[in-house]
Amino acid sequence: MPVDFDFRWAAVILSAIVGFVAIALMFVGSRVLSSRRHSDRKLTPYECGIEPEPFRWSQINIRYYVFAILFLIFDVEAVFLFPWAVVFLGNNLAFYAMMIFLAVLGFAVVYGWRKGVLEWWK
């Protein structure tokens, strides 16, 4: 077993303990500082300063969902792209595999753009 092994695990355990204590203190502080009085007005839903109205059926355009899904797809792709660039810097096979991956994603953006999916303001 390496000499530094115990010291490294001690740092991990100390970080976990500090994190749990910080979270516990935030919960306790929230509990201590919160208001204890309940009223009907306080229990009503509130959103953006607009008083709640009775429930009405409303349709939401599907384009908003498609736009959100496209954003998530490309956001996750960017998250995977940065570590890949660091790890596979000198590997030619990995480079070409990622180029194929980026080409497919580029095709998806162009396809969505041509179909009008990215024009969500209409």
Protein backbone atom coordinates (compact mmCIF):
# COMPACT_ATOMS: atom_id res chain seq x y z
CA MET A 1 0.00 0.00 0.00
CA PRO A 2 1.42 3.44 -0.94
CA VAL A 3 2.42 5.87 1.78
CA ASP A 4 0.05 8.63 0.58
CA PHE A 5 -2.95 6.30 0.47
CA ASP A 6 -4.20 7.04 4.00
CA PHE A 7 -3.73 10.77 3.56
CA ARG A 8 -5.76 10.81 0.32
CA TRP A 9 -8.67 8.94 1.90
CA ALA A 10 -8.52 11.18 4.95
CA ALA A 11 -9.01 14.19 2.66
CA VAL A 12 -12.01 12.52 0.98
CA ILE A 13 -13.59 11.61 4.31
CA LEU A 14 -12.95 15.09 5.72
CA SER A 15 -14.56 16.68 2.63
CA ALA A 16 -17.61 14.44 2.98
CA ILE A 17 -17.98 15.30 6.68
CA VAL A 18 -17.67 19.04 6.00
CA GLY A 19 -20.24 18.75 3.20
CA PHE A 20 -22.75 16.89 5.36
CA VAL A 21 -22.28 19.34 8.25
CA ALA A 22 -22.81 22.30 5.88
CA ILE A 23 -26.01 20.76 4.52
CA ALA A 24 -27.27 20.00 8.03
CA LEU A 25 -26.56 23.58 9.13
CA MET A 26 -28.49 24.93 6.13
CA PHE A 27 -31.51 22.77 6.99
CA VAL A 28 -31.38 23.79 10.65
CA GLY A 29 -30.97 27.47 9.73
CA SER A 30 -33.93 27.28 7.37
CA ARG A 31 -36.04 25.66 10.08
CA VAL A 32 -35.04 28.21 12.73
CA LEU A 33 -35.49 31.29 10.52
CA SER A 34 -38.74 30.27 8.80
CA SER A 35 -42.12 31.69 9.74
CA ARG A 36 -44.44 29.58 11.88
CA ARG A 37 -47.73 31.35 11.12
CA HIS A 38 -49.97 29.67 8.55
CA SER A 39 -52.88 31.29 6.74
CA ASP A 40 -55.02 30.62 3.71
CA ARG A 41 -53.28 33.41 1.83
CA LYS A 42 -49.87 31.88 2.54
CA LEU A 43 -50.94 28.45 1.30
CA THR A 44 -52.17 29.65 -2.13
CA PRO A 45 -49.93 28.96 -5.13
CA TYR A 46 -47.96 31.94 -6.39
CA GLU A 47 -46.19 32.37 -9.67
CA CYS A 48 -44.49 35.48 -11.02
CA GLY A 49 -46.76 37.93 -9.17
CA ILE A 50 -49.89 36.69 -10.95
CA GLU A 51 -52.81 35.63 -8.81
CA PRO A 52 -53.89 32.02 -9.47
CA GLU A 53 -57.03 31.54 -11.52
CA PRO A 54 -59.36 28.58 -11.72
CA PHE A 55 -58.03 25.74 -13.83
CA ARG A 56 -58.57 26.17 -17.55
CA TRP A 57 -57.54 23.80 -20.27
CA SER A 58 -54.74 25.22 -22.35
CA GLN A 59 -52.57 23.68 -24.99
CA ILE A 60 -48.85 24.29 -25.13
CA ASN A 61 -47.20 24.17 -28.51
CA ILE A 62 -45.06 21.07 -29.07
CA ARG A 63 -42.28 23.23 -30.52
CA TYR A 64 -41.27 24.32 -27.02
CA TYR A 65 -40.66 20.71 -26.01
CA VAL A 66 -38.73 19.93 -29.18
CA PHE A 67 -36.59 23.02 -28.68
CA ALA A 68 -35.87 21.98 -25.07
CA ILE A 69 -34.96 18.44 -26.10
CA LEU A 70 -32.61 19.72 -28.80
CA PHE A 71 -30.96 21.99 -26.26
CA LEU A 72 -30.47 19.08 -23.85
CA ILE A 73 -29.03 16.86 -26.57
CA PHE A 74 -26.44 19.41 -27.65
CA ASP A 75 -25.69 20.47 -24.09
CA VAL A 76 -24.94 16.87 -23.10
CA GLU A 77 -22.87 16.47 -26.25
CA ALA A 78 -20.74 19.45 -25.24
CA VAL A 79 -20.25 17.98 -21.78
CA PHE A 80 -18.90 14.76 -23.30
CA LEU A 81 -16.81 16.57 -25.90
CA PHE A 82 -14.46 18.40 -23.52
CA PRO A 83 -13.24 15.35 -21.53
CA TRP A 84 -12.92 13.40 -24.77
CA ALA A 85 -10.61 16.07 -26.19
CA VAL A 86 -8.32 15.81 -23.18
CA VAL A 87 -8.20 12.00 -22.98
CA PHE A 88 -7.92 11.11 -26.67
CA LEU A 89 -5.60 13.88 -27.80
CA GLY A 90 -3.14 11.63 -29.64
CA ASN A 91 -5.39 8.71 -30.61
CA ASN A 92 -6.29 8.84 -34.33
CA LEU A 93 -9.05 6.22 -34.14
CA ALA A 94 -10.84 8.07 -31.35
CA PHE A 95 -10.44 11.31 -33.27
CA TYR A 96 -12.19 9.93 -36.35
CA ALA A 97 -14.93 8.34 -34.23
CA MET A 98 -15.63 11.70 -32.63
CA MET A 99 -15.63 13.41 -36.03
CA ILE A 100 -18.33 10.96 -37.17
CA PHE A 101 -20.27 11.69 -33.97
CA LEU A 102 -20.00 15.44 -34.56
CA ALA A 103 -21.02 15.01 -38.20
CA VAL A 104 -24.19 13.19 -37.13
CA LEU A 105 -24.96 15.93 -34.61
CA GLY A 106 -24.26 18.59 -37.22
CA PHE A 107 -26.62 16.83 -39.60
CA ALA A 108 -29.27 16.82 -36.83
CA VAL A 109 -28.91 20.59 -36.34
CA VAL A 110 -29.15 21.29 -40.07
CA TYR A 111 -32.13 18.94 -40.38
CA GLY A 112 -33.93 20.58 -37.46
CA TRP A 113 -33.14 24.03 -38.80
CA ARG A 114 -34.48 23.18 -42.27
CA LYS A 115 -37.65 21.68 -40.78
CA GLY A 116 -38.23 24.89 -38.81
CA VAL A 117 -37.94 23.25 -35.40
CA LEU A 118 -35.61 25.95 -34.08
CA GLU A 119 -38.07 28.75 -34.90
CA TRP A 120 -40.02 28.60 -31.65
CA TRP A 121 -41.24 32.19 -31.62
CA LYS A 122 -43.90 31.71 -34.34
